[in-house]
Structures are given as C-alpha cells and as structure tokens.
C-alpha atoms as a PDB file:
ATOM      1  CA  ARG A   1      -3.710  13.490 -17.434  1.00  0.00           C
ATOM      2  CA  GLU A   2      -2.354  12.586 -20.849  1.00  0.00           C
ATOM      3  CA  GLN A   3      -0.604   9.316 -21.569  1.00  0.00           C
ATOM      4  CA  GLU A   4       3.166   9.523 -21.128  1.00  0.00           C
ATOM      5  CA  PRO A   5       5.187   9.251 -24.375  1.00  0.00           C
ATOM      6  CA  GLY A   6       6.468   5.712 -24.909  1.00  0.00           C
ATOM      7  CA  MET A   7       3.952   4.194 -22.466  1.00  0.00           C
ATOM      8  CA  PRO A   8       2.212   1.201 -24.061  1.00  0.00           C
ATOM      9  CA  PRO A   9      -1.592   1.207 -23.990  1.00  0.00           C
ATOM     10  CA  LEU A  10      -2.876  -0.633 -20.942  1.00  0.00           C
ATOM     11  CA  SER A  11      -6.600  -0.750 -21.649  1.00  0.00           C
ATOM     12  CA  GLY A  12      -8.140  -3.826 -20.090  1.00  0.00           C
ATOM     13  CA  VAL A  13      -5.227  -4.340 -17.691  1.00  0.00           C
ATOM     14  CA  ARG A  14      -6.147  -4.376 -13.986  1.00  0.00           C
ATOM     15  CA  ILE A  15      -3.464  -3.203 -11.563  1.00  0.00           C
ATOM     16  CA  ARG A  16      -3.488  -3.051  -7.762  1.00  0.00           C
ATOM     17  CA  TYR A  17      -1.041  -0.369  -6.649  1.00  0.00           C
ATOM     18  CA  CYS A  18       0.310  -0.517  -3.104  1.00  0.00           C
ATOM     19  CA  HIS A  19       1.846   2.863  -2.383  1.00  0.00           C
ATOM     20  CA  GLY A  20       4.950   3.460  -0.313  1.00  0.00           C
ATOM     21  CA  LEU A  21       5.679   5.632   2.682  1.00  0.00           C
ATOM     22  CA  GLU A  22       5.802   9.000   0.986  1.00  0.00           C
ATOM     23  CA  SER A  23       3.165   8.560  -1.677  1.00  0.00           C
ATOM     24  CA  GLY A  24      -0.513   7.818  -1.689  1.00  0.00           C
ATOM     25  CA  PRO A  25      -3.237   6.046  -3.603  1.00  0.00           C
ATOM     26  CA  ARG A  26      -3.731   8.939  -6.068  1.00  0.00           C
ATOM     27  CA  GLY A  27      -0.121   9.803  -6.841  1.00  0.00           C
ATOM     28  CA  PHE A  28       1.813  10.251 -10.070  1.00  0.00           C
ATOM     29  CA  LYS A  29       2.269   6.540 -10.813  1.00  0.00           C
ATOM     30  CA  VAL A  30      -1.435   5.761 -10.429  1.00  0.00           C
ATOM     31  CA  ALA A  31      -2.409   8.751 -12.579  1.00  0.00           C
ATOM     32  CA  THR A  32       0.131   7.779 -15.262  1.00  0.00           C
ATOM     33  CA  LEU A  33      -1.091   4.180 -15.408  1.00  0.00           C
ATOM     34  CA  GLU A  34      -4.721   5.337 -15.537  1.00  0.00           C
ATOM     35  CA  ALA A  35      -3.861   7.708 -18.387  1.00  0.00           C
ATOM     36  CA  ALA A  36      -2.464   4.697 -20.263  1.00  0.00           C
ATOM     37  CA  GLY A  37      -5.842   2.989 -19.832  1.00  0.00           C
ATOM     38  CA  ALA A  38      -5.183   0.695 -16.869  1.00  0.00           C
ATOM     39  CA  ASP A  39      -8.014  -0.134 -14.479  1.00  0.00           C
ATOM     40  CA  MET A  40      -6.366   0.935 -11.217  1.00  0.00           C
ATOM     41  CA  ALA A  41      -7.143  -0.136  -7.665  1.00  0.00           C
ATOM     42  CA  SER A  42      -5.308   1.748  -4.958  1.00  0.00           C
ATOM     43  CA  VAL A  43      -6.297   2.335  -1.351  1.00  0.00           C
ATOM     44  CA  GLU A  44      -4.820   4.476   1.434  1.00  0.00           C
ATOM     45  CA  GLN A  45      -2.660   2.232   3.640  1.00  0.00           C
ATOM     46  CA  HIS A  46      -1.905   4.820   6.357  1.00  0.00           C
ATOM     47  CA  ALA A  47       1.743   3.731   6.134  1.00  0.00           C
ATOM     48  CA  ALA A  48       3.615   6.966   6.831  1.00  0.00           C
ATOM     49  CA  PRO A  49       5.773   6.450   9.946  1.00  0.00           C
ATOM     50  CA  TRP A  50       3.397   8.378  12.269  1.00  0.00           C
ATOM     51  CA  GLN A  51       0.145   6.926  10.868  1.00  0.00           C
ATOM     52  CA  ARG A  52      -1.666   3.895  12.310  1.00  0.00           C
ATOM     53  CA  ASN A  53       0.082   1.326  10.074  1.00  0.00           C
ATOM     54  CA  GLY A  54       3.417   3.128   9.994  1.00  0.00           C
ATOM     55  CA  LEU A  55       6.648   1.912  11.493  1.00  0.00           C
ATOM     56  CA  LEU A  56       6.599   4.207  14.545  1.00  0.00           C
ATOM     57  CA  ARG A  57       3.152   2.952  15.554  1.00  0.00           C
ATOM     58  CA  CYS A  58       4.150  -0.692  15.040  1.00  0.00           C
ATOM     59  CA  LEU A  59       7.332  -0.800  17.114  1.00  0.00           C
ATOM     60  CA  PRO A  60       7.039  -2.896  20.265  1.00  0.00           C
ATOM     61  CA  SER A  61       7.646  -1.041  23.531  1.00  0.00           C
ATOM     62  CA  ALA A  62      10.095  -1.800  26.340  1.00  0.00           C
ATOM     63  CA  VAL A  63      12.824  -3.575  24.367  1.00  0.00           C
ATOM     64  CA  PRO A  64      16.447  -3.438  25.624  1.00  0.00           C
ATOM     65  CA  TRP A  65      18.824  -1.466  23.384  1.00  0.00           C
ATOM     66  CA  TRP A  66      20.895  -4.577  22.601  1.00  0.00           C
ATOM     67  CA  HIS A  67      17.852  -5.999  20.823  1.00  0.00           C
ATOM     68  CA  ALA A  68      17.521  -2.932  18.588  1.00  0.00           C
ATOM     69  CA  TRP A  69      17.678  -4.817  15.259  1.00  0.00           C
ATOM     70  CA  ALA A  70      15.102  -7.368  16.372  1.00  0.00           C
ATOM     71  CA  TRP A  71      12.944  -4.522  17.684  1.00  0.00           C
ATOM     72  CA  LEU A  72      13.134  -2.661  14.377  1.00  0.00           C
ATOM     73  CA  GLY A  73      12.521  -5.855  12.377  1.00  0.00           C
ATOM     74  CA  THR A  74       9.450  -6.689  14.462  1.00  0.00           C
ATOM     75  CA  GLY A  75       8.007  -3.228  13.794  1.00  0.00           C
ATOM     76  CA  MET A  76       8.694  -3.481  10.058  1.00  0.00           C
ATOM     77  CA  VAL A  77       6.992  -6.869   9.809  1.00  0.00           C
ATOM     78  CA  GLU A  78       3.972  -5.614  11.771  1.00  0.00           C
ATOM     79  CA  SER A  79       3.693  -2.524   9.538  1.00  0.00           C
ATOM     80  CA  LEU A  80       3.847  -4.628   6.377  1.00  0.00           C
ATOM     81  CA  GLU A  81       1.271  -7.112   7.716  1.00  0.00           C
ATOM     82  CA  ARG A  82      -1.114  -4.277   8.570  1.00  0.00           C
ATOM     83  CA  CYS A  83      -0.758  -2.803   5.081  1.00  0.00           C
ATOM     84  CA  VAL A  84      -1.382  -6.217   3.518  1.00  0.00           C
ATOM     85  CA  ARG A  85      -4.575  -6.522   5.605  1.00  0.00           C
ATOM     86  CA  VAL A  86      -5.730  -3.141   4.233  1.00  0.00           C
ATOM     87  CA  GLN A  87      -5.213  -4.444   0.668  1.00  0.00           C
ATOM     88  CA  VAL A  88      -6.952  -7.783   1.374  1.00  0.00           C
ATOM     89  CA  GLN A  89      -9.959  -6.015   2.907  1.00  0.00           C
ATOM     90  CA  ASP A  90     -10.196  -3.670  -0.080  1.00  0.00           C
ATOM     91  CA  MET A  91      -9.996  -6.587  -2.535  1.00  0.00           C
ATOM     92  CA  ALA A  92     -12.774  -8.376  -0.629  1.00  0.00           C
ATOM     93  CA  ARG A  93     -14.998  -5.279  -0.845  1.00  0.00           C
ATOM     94  CA  ALA A  94     -14.295  -4.984  -4.567  1.00  0.00           C
ATOM     95  CA  ARG A  95     -15.567  -8.494  -5.364  1.00  0.00           C
ATOM     96  CA  PRO A  96     -19.370  -8.723  -5.377  1.00  0.00           C
ATOM     97  CA  GLY A  97     -20.594 -11.546  -3.159  1.00  0.00           C
ATOM     98  CA  ALA A  98     -17.157 -12.126  -1.621  1.00  0.00           C
ATOM     99  CA  PRO A  99     -16.958 -12.795   2.116  1.00  0.00           C
ATOM    100  CA  GLN A 100     -15.670  -9.816   4.081  1.00  0.00           C
ATOM    101  CA  ALA A 101     -12.163 -10.192   5.548  1.00  0.00           C
END
C-alpha cells in the first residue's frame, strides 16, 4: 500500500491499534499507518457482538427488564475489560523477558 497523500512520515513511531467492532487488526487504518512507516502492533480482539469478547457474549443472564440499562452497562464493561486483557497479553508477549500476563 502506498502512503496516503498528506500523511506525515511515521518511521520510527510505534503504534498499538485497538480495532473496533466492525474492523480488524489488518484493516485500512493499520495498512495506512504502516504505509506511512509506523511500526504497528494490532491483535484480533474477537470483539464483534457474537464473538467471545463481544457484547452479546458478555451480557449477564437472568436480569429483570427494569434493570436493562445496568444489564447493558455491565456487558459493555465486561467486553471492554476482556479486550484490554487481550491487548495486555499481546504486549507482554512482545517484550522479550517480560512476565506473561
């Protein structure tokens, strides 16, 4: 991929990219930043709603309907925490001699 016009050179810059729900670790943004010379780190978080760290898999069960906002909030926090753990584990593997998380 060629560097995008107007993109400053990023050689020597290290970036950890945490993708969102509908993208992945090798998407357009990662490819664009790599083309500009950035040293990219990006790992699959399995964060789509149906995947293991996605919202649907993180929602608690058996919650009364009147607690719907708390129920949704609990699932969102759990999903985010799981994705953060994926990133922390990947960073630990990337550092030679680092203790494994």
